[in-house]
Amino acid sequence: MTPDERTLLQGFLSDLARTTAIQKDPEAAGMITQAVQANPDAVYLLVQHALLSDQALHTAQQQIAAFQAQMQSAPPAPAPSFLGGPTPWGGQLVQSSPVGQTSGLGNFLRSAGTMAAGVAGGDLIAQGIENLFAPRW
């Protein structure tokens, strides 16, 4: 075990020790008890999984924050030119496709899609972990 892992585990176990008197769903409690009785390593695996999930959540949150900061600090895209490329008469024409490689729109949509997937994934992980540890009333 590394020192960082020891610190994470000690913090997790300390949180568990401080949490008392929760209302349990009888069916869920019975299923958990059966799983623990069937596999003596179940508690170890559960703690390991919870810590890995927590780390994944924090990593996703940091990546989202970094991406949002990057998006906010990015210089604004230059205004598109109505006539952007050469013409036979010496003028300029726009690209044939508004989502072409250099238009910026394709990159924007890819970036927006990536950010949306990251936000949705991070939110899903956060809700899952919150539901895992939230007391049921």
Protein backbone atom coordinates (compact mmCIF):
# COMPACT_ATOMS: atom_id res chain seq x y z
CA MET A 1 0.00 0.00 0.00
CA THR A 2 1.35 3.42 -0.91
CA PRO A 3 1.23 6.34 1.54
CA ASP A 4 -1.48 8.02 -0.59
CA GLU A 5 -3.57 4.84 -0.58
CA ARG A 6 -3.14 4.57 3.19
CA THR A 7 -4.35 8.16 3.63
CA LEU A 8 -7.38 7.56 1.39
CA LEU A 9 -8.27 4.34 3.18
CA GLN A 10 -7.87 5.88 6.64
CA GLY A 11 -10.11 8.79 5.65
CA PHE A 12 -12.75 6.46 4.20
CA LEU A 13 -12.73 4.18 7.24
CA SER A 14 -12.87 7.19 9.55
CA ASP A 15 -15.97 8.42 7.72
CA LEU A 16 -17.53 4.97 8.08
CA ALA A 17 -16.79 4.89 11.81
CA ARG A 18 -18.44 8.30 12.34
CA THR A 19 -21.61 7.36 10.46
CA THR A 20 -24.11 5.81 12.84
CA ALA A 21 -27.82 5.20 13.26
CA ILE A 22 -28.90 5.11 9.64
CA GLN A 23 -32.27 3.81 8.58
CA LYS A 24 -31.81 0.65 6.49
CA ASP A 25 -33.97 -0.84 3.82
CA PRO A 26 -34.60 -4.36 5.17
CA GLU A 27 -34.46 -6.02 1.75
CA ALA A 28 -31.21 -4.29 0.80
CA ALA A 29 -29.69 -5.01 4.22
CA GLY A 30 -30.55 -8.70 3.85
CA MET A 31 -29.04 -8.89 0.38
CA ILE A 32 -25.86 -7.18 1.57
CA THR A 33 -25.58 -9.51 4.56
CA GLN A 34 -25.99 -12.54 2.29
CA ALA A 35 -23.31 -11.25 -0.09
CA VAL A 36 -20.87 -10.63 2.77
CA GLN A 37 -21.54 -14.07 4.24
CA ALA A 38 -21.09 -15.73 0.83
CA ASN A 39 -17.78 -13.98 0.16
CA PRO A 40 -15.52 -13.07 3.07
CA ASP A 41 -13.67 -10.63 0.79
CA ALA A 42 -16.85 -8.71 -0.08
CA VAL A 43 -16.24 -5.86 2.39
CA TYR A 44 -12.65 -5.45 1.20
CA LEU A 45 -13.83 -5.38 -2.43
CA LEU A 46 -16.61 -2.94 -1.60
CA VAL A 47 -14.23 -0.50 0.09
CA GLN A 48 -11.77 -0.84 -2.78
CA HIS A 49 -14.54 -0.19 -5.32
CA ALA A 50 -15.85 2.81 -3.38
CA LEU A 51 -12.38 4.38 -3.22
CA LEU A 52 -11.76 3.79 -6.94
CA SER A 53 -15.15 5.28 -7.79
CA ASP A 54 -14.43 8.30 -5.60
CA GLN A 55 -11.07 8.82 -7.30
CA ALA A 56 -12.70 8.52 -10.74
CA LEU A 57 -15.28 11.10 -9.70
CA HIS A 58 -12.62 13.55 -8.50
CA THR A 59 -10.58 13.05 -11.67
CA ALA A 60 -13.66 13.68 -13.82
CA GLN A 61 -14.52 16.81 -11.82
CA GLN A 62 -10.96 18.12 -12.25
CA GLN A 63 -11.05 17.44 -15.98
CA ILE A 64 -14.40 19.19 -16.32
CA ALA A 65 -13.14 22.20 -14.35
CA ALA A 66 -9.97 22.35 -16.46
CA PHE A 67 -11.98 22.09 -19.67
CA GLN A 68 -14.39 24.82 -18.53
CA ALA A 69 -11.46 27.07 -17.61
CA GLN A 70 -9.89 26.36 -20.99
CA MET A 71 -13.15 27.21 -22.76
CA GLN A 72 -13.49 30.47 -20.80
CA SER A 73 -9.89 31.52 -21.44
CA ALA A 74 -9.84 30.55 -25.12
CA PRO A 75 -9.63 33.52 -27.46
CA PRO A 76 -12.86 34.20 -29.31
CA ALA A 77 -13.05 32.67 -32.75
CA PRO A 78 -12.42 35.17 -35.53
CA ALA A 79 -15.54 36.42 -37.26
CA PRO A 80 -16.14 34.38 -40.40
CA SER A 81 -15.60 36.17 -43.67
CA PHE A 82 -18.50 36.21 -46.09
CA LEU A 83 -16.12 35.62 -48.97
CA GLY A 84 -13.30 33.49 -47.62
CA GLY A 85 -11.61 31.77 -50.61
CA PRO A 86 -10.28 32.84 -54.05
CA THR A 87 -12.66 33.21 -57.01
CA PRO A 88 -11.92 33.39 -60.73
CA TRP A 89 -12.60 37.14 -60.58
CA GLY A 90 -10.14 37.71 -57.75
CA GLY A 91 -12.63 37.71 -54.89
CA GLN A 92 -12.88 35.27 -52.02
CA LEU A 93 -15.30 32.37 -51.45
CA VAL A 94 -16.31 30.59 -48.28
CA GLN A 95 -15.59 26.87 -47.93
CA SER A 96 -18.00 24.47 -49.53
CA SER A 97 -19.16 23.10 -46.17
CA PRO A 98 -19.85 25.09 -42.98
CA VAL A 99 -18.46 22.17 -40.97
CA GLY A 100 -15.25 21.84 -42.95
CA GLN A 101 -11.91 21.02 -41.38
CA THR A 102 -10.80 24.64 -40.92
CA SER A 103 -14.12 26.38 -40.34
CA GLY A 104 -13.93 25.93 -36.58
CA LEU A 105 -17.53 24.75 -36.46
CA GLY A 106 -16.51 21.09 -36.66
CA ASN A 107 -14.04 21.53 -33.81
CA PHE A 108 -16.60 23.47 -31.81
CA LEU A 109 -19.19 20.72 -32.14
CA ARG A 110 -16.63 18.04 -31.26
CA SER A 111 -15.55 20.05 -28.21
CA ALA A 112 -19.13 20.68 -27.15
CA GLY A 113 -19.94 16.99 -27.53
CA THR A 114 -16.89 16.01 -25.52
CA MET A 115 -17.75 18.49 -22.78
CA ALA A 116 -21.39 17.36 -22.68
CA ALA A 117 -20.33 13.72 -22.40
CA GLY A 118 -17.87 14.59 -19.62
CA VAL A 119 -20.43 16.61 -17.69
CA ALA A 120 -23.08 13.91 -18.09
CA GLY A 121 -20.63 11.17 -17.08
CA GLY A 122 -19.39 13.13 -14.07
CA ASP A 123 -22.94 13.90 -13.01
CA LEU A 124 -23.92 10.25 -13.38
CA ILE A 125 -20.97 9.11 -11.26
CA ALA A 126 -21.69 11.78 -8.64
CA GLN A 127 -25.34 10.77 -8.39
CA GLY A 128 -24.44 7.10 -8.14
CA ILE A 129 -21.98 7.69 -5.32
CA GLU A 130 -24.37 10.07 -3.57
CA ASN A 131 -27.14 7.46 -3.78
CA LEU A 132 -24.78 4.79 -2.50
CA PHE A 133 -23.95 6.69 0.69
CA ALA A 134 -27.11 8.73 1.21
CA PRO A 135 -29.30 7.57 4.09
CA ARG A 136 -32.73 6.30 3.05
CA TRP A 137 -35.65 7.76 4.96
